[in-house]
Amino acid sequence: MPASSNTMQVNIVATDRPVWSGQARSVSIPAQQGAMGILPNHEPILSLIKKGTVTVIEADGTSTSFDVDEGFISFDSNKLTVAVEHSTKSQYPSGQ
């Protein structure tokens, strides 16, 4: 799907493999200083993240969650990279 002003490119990677890649409307991150939401056109940011859940709202509105270990995020030019030690797809739907 081509990028639009309502979405951003998201890449979630673990040390041993790519986890998820695609267009998203928003991403919620377990930042070291508390939960953080990233939307398209956010100002550039580099932040550490802690163990928790990353939730991606995909371009079609589908919500997908991943349990992650510590790592970092980088956002610039409408591209978000989430780099973590380990990640697994959450066993529960978002919001539970």
C-alpha atoms as a PDB file:
ATOM      1  CA  MET A   1       0.000   0.000   0.000  1.00  0.00           C
ATOM      2  CA  PRO A   2       1.478   3.414  -0.894  1.00  0.00           C
ATOM      3  CA  ALA A   3       2.190   5.805   1.938  1.00  0.00           C
ATOM      4  CA  SER A   4      -0.210   8.686   2.532  1.00  0.00           C
ATOM      5  CA  SER A   5      -0.180  11.654   4.870  1.00  0.00           C
ATOM      6  CA  ASN A   6      -2.367   9.569   7.219  1.00  0.00           C
ATOM      7  CA  THR A   7       0.145   6.723   7.581  1.00  0.00           C
ATOM      8  CA  MET A   8       3.811   6.117   8.290  1.00  0.00           C
ATOM      9  CA  GLN A   9       6.222   3.311   7.476  1.00  0.00           C
ATOM     10  CA  VAL A  10       6.870   1.083  10.512  1.00  0.00           C
ATOM     11  CA  ASN A  11       9.584  -1.552  10.889  1.00  0.00           C
ATOM     12  CA  ILE A  12       9.781  -3.665  14.044  1.00  0.00           C
ATOM     13  CA  VAL A  13      12.958  -5.734  14.276  1.00  0.00           C
ATOM     14  CA  ALA A  14      14.407  -8.067  16.893  1.00  0.00           C
ATOM     15  CA  THR A  15      18.086  -8.986  17.083  1.00  0.00           C
ATOM     16  CA  ASP A  16      17.409 -12.314  15.366  1.00  0.00           C
ATOM     17  CA  ARG A  17      14.733 -11.432  12.796  1.00  0.00           C
ATOM     18  CA  PRO A  18      12.375  -8.893  11.270  1.00  0.00           C
ATOM     19  CA  VAL A  19       9.091  -8.895  13.242  1.00  0.00           C
ATOM     20  CA  TRP A  20       6.651  -6.662  11.321  1.00  0.00           C
ATOM     21  CA  SER A  21       6.782  -4.093   8.534  1.00  0.00           C
ATOM     22  CA  GLY A  22       4.062  -2.010   6.919  1.00  0.00           C
ATOM     23  CA  GLN A  23       2.049   1.193   6.893  1.00  0.00           C
ATOM     24  CA  ALA A  24       0.418   2.301  10.138  1.00  0.00           C
ATOM     25  CA  ARG A  25      -1.909   5.030  11.407  1.00  0.00           C
ATOM     26  CA  SER A  26      -0.343   5.032  14.884  1.00  0.00           C
ATOM     27  CA  VAL A  27       1.973   3.085  17.172  1.00  0.00           C
ATOM     28  CA  SER A  28       1.989   2.989  20.962  1.00  0.00           C
ATOM     29  CA  ILE A  29       5.370   2.379  22.591  1.00  0.00           C
ATOM     30  CA  PRO A  30       6.399   1.465  26.175  1.00  0.00           C
ATOM     31  CA  ALA A  31       8.992   4.260  26.502  1.00  0.00           C
ATOM     32  CA  GLN A  32      11.317   4.406  29.517  1.00  0.00           C
ATOM     33  CA  GLN A  33       9.538   7.526  30.796  1.00  0.00           C
ATOM     34  CA  GLY A  34       6.007   6.156  30.200  1.00  0.00           C
ATOM     35  CA  ALA A  35       3.716   5.227  27.328  1.00  0.00           C
ATOM     36  CA  MET A  36       4.264   7.152  24.100  1.00  0.00           C
ATOM     37  CA  GLY A  37       2.109   7.419  21.000  1.00  0.00           C
ATOM     38  CA  ILE A  38       3.610   8.037  17.575  1.00  0.00           C
ATOM     39  CA  LEU A  39       1.435   9.417  14.767  1.00  0.00           C
ATOM     40  CA  PRO A  40       2.335  10.253  11.164  1.00  0.00           C
ATOM     41  CA  ASN A  41       4.321  13.488  10.803  1.00  0.00           C
ATOM     42  CA  HIS A  42       5.546  13.333  14.429  1.00  0.00           C
ATOM     43  CA  GLU A  43       8.682  15.347  15.044  1.00  0.00           C
ATOM     44  CA  PRO A  44      11.925  13.323  14.868  1.00  0.00           C
ATOM     45  CA  ILE A  45      12.649  11.353  18.035  1.00  0.00           C
ATOM     46  CA  LEU A  46      15.078   8.775  19.390  1.00  0.00           C
ATOM     47  CA  SER A  47      13.989   7.062  22.618  1.00  0.00           C
ATOM     48  CA  LEU A  48      14.760   4.029  24.762  1.00  0.00           C
ATOM     49  CA  ILE A  49      11.916   1.607  25.354  1.00  0.00           C
ATOM     50  CA  LYS A  50      11.314  -0.838  28.169  1.00  0.00           C
ATOM     51  CA  LYS A  51       9.802  -4.305  28.264  1.00  0.00           C
ATOM     52  CA  GLY A  52       6.116  -4.080  27.423  1.00  0.00           C
ATOM     53  CA  THR A  53       3.704  -4.047  24.502  1.00  0.00           C
ATOM     54  CA  VAL A  54       4.013  -2.221  21.190  1.00  0.00           C
ATOM     55  CA  THR A  55       0.607  -1.748  19.557  1.00  0.00           C
ATOM     56  CA  VAL A  56       0.348  -0.932  15.859  1.00  0.00           C
ATOM     57  CA  ILE A  57      -2.845   0.440  14.308  1.00  0.00           C
ATOM     58  CA  GLU A  58      -2.401  -0.600  10.706  1.00  0.00           C
ATOM     59  CA  ALA A  59      -3.525   1.495   7.716  1.00  0.00           C
ATOM     60  CA  ASP A  60      -6.743  -0.549   7.456  1.00  0.00           C
ATOM     61  CA  GLY A  61      -7.534  -0.023  11.174  1.00  0.00           C
ATOM     62  CA  THR A  62      -6.444  -3.490  12.319  1.00  0.00           C
ATOM     63  CA  SER A  63      -4.743  -3.471  15.718  1.00  0.00           C
ATOM     64  CA  THR A  64      -1.717  -5.745  16.162  1.00  0.00           C
ATOM     65  CA  SER A  65       0.303  -6.010  19.385  1.00  0.00           C
ATOM     66  CA  PHE A  66       3.782  -7.318  20.090  1.00  0.00           C
ATOM     67  CA  ASP A  67       5.359  -8.128  23.453  1.00  0.00           C
ATOM     68  CA  VAL A  68       8.871  -6.676  23.382  1.00  0.00           C
ATOM     69  CA  ASP A  69      12.003  -6.581  25.499  1.00  0.00           C
ATOM     70  CA  GLU A  70      14.107  -3.468  25.931  1.00  0.00           C
ATOM     71  CA  GLY A  71      15.369  -1.569  22.909  1.00  0.00           C
ATOM     72  CA  PHE A  72      14.960   1.784  21.187  1.00  0.00           C
ATOM     73  CA  ILE A  73      12.842   3.605  18.633  1.00  0.00           C
ATOM     74  CA  SER A  74      13.837   6.060  15.950  1.00  0.00           C
ATOM     75  CA  PHE A  75      11.336   8.220  14.066  1.00  0.00           C
ATOM     76  CA  ASP A  76      12.232  10.578  11.219  1.00  0.00           C
ATOM     77  CA  SER A  77      10.727  11.455   7.821  1.00  0.00           C
ATOM     78  CA  ASN A  78       7.572   9.425   8.567  1.00  0.00           C
ATOM     79  CA  LYS A  79       9.562   6.229   9.170  1.00  0.00           C
ATOM     80  CA  LEU A  80       9.483   4.510  12.567  1.00  0.00           C
ATOM     81  CA  THR A  81      11.995   1.838  13.481  1.00  0.00           C
ATOM     82  CA  VAL A  82      11.475  -0.202  16.639  1.00  0.00           C
ATOM     83  CA  ALA A  83      14.598  -2.240  17.478  1.00  0.00           C
ATOM     84  CA  VAL A  84      14.379  -4.687  20.386  1.00  0.00           C
ATOM     85  CA  GLU A  85      16.205  -7.698  21.815  1.00  0.00           C
ATOM     86  CA  HIS A  86      13.217 -10.084  21.471  1.00  0.00           C
ATOM     87  CA  SER A  87       9.606  -9.831  20.342  1.00  0.00           C
ATOM     88  CA  THR A  88       6.591 -12.080  20.084  1.00  0.00           C
ATOM     89  CA  LYS A  89       3.106 -11.398  18.798  1.00  0.00           C
ATOM     90  CA  SER A  90       0.809 -10.746  21.743  1.00  0.00           C
ATOM     91  CA  GLN A  91      -1.540 -13.606  22.628  1.00  0.00           C
ATOM     92  CA  TYR A  92      -4.386 -11.223  23.461  1.00  0.00           C
ATOM     93  CA  PRO A  93      -6.225  -8.678  21.319  1.00  0.00           C
ATOM     94  CA  SER A  94      -5.254  -5.070  21.961  1.00  0.00           C
ATOM     95  CA  GLY A  95      -7.037  -3.430  24.844  1.00  0.00           C
ATOM     96  CA  GLN A  96      -7.228  -6.579  27.001  1.00  0.00           C
END
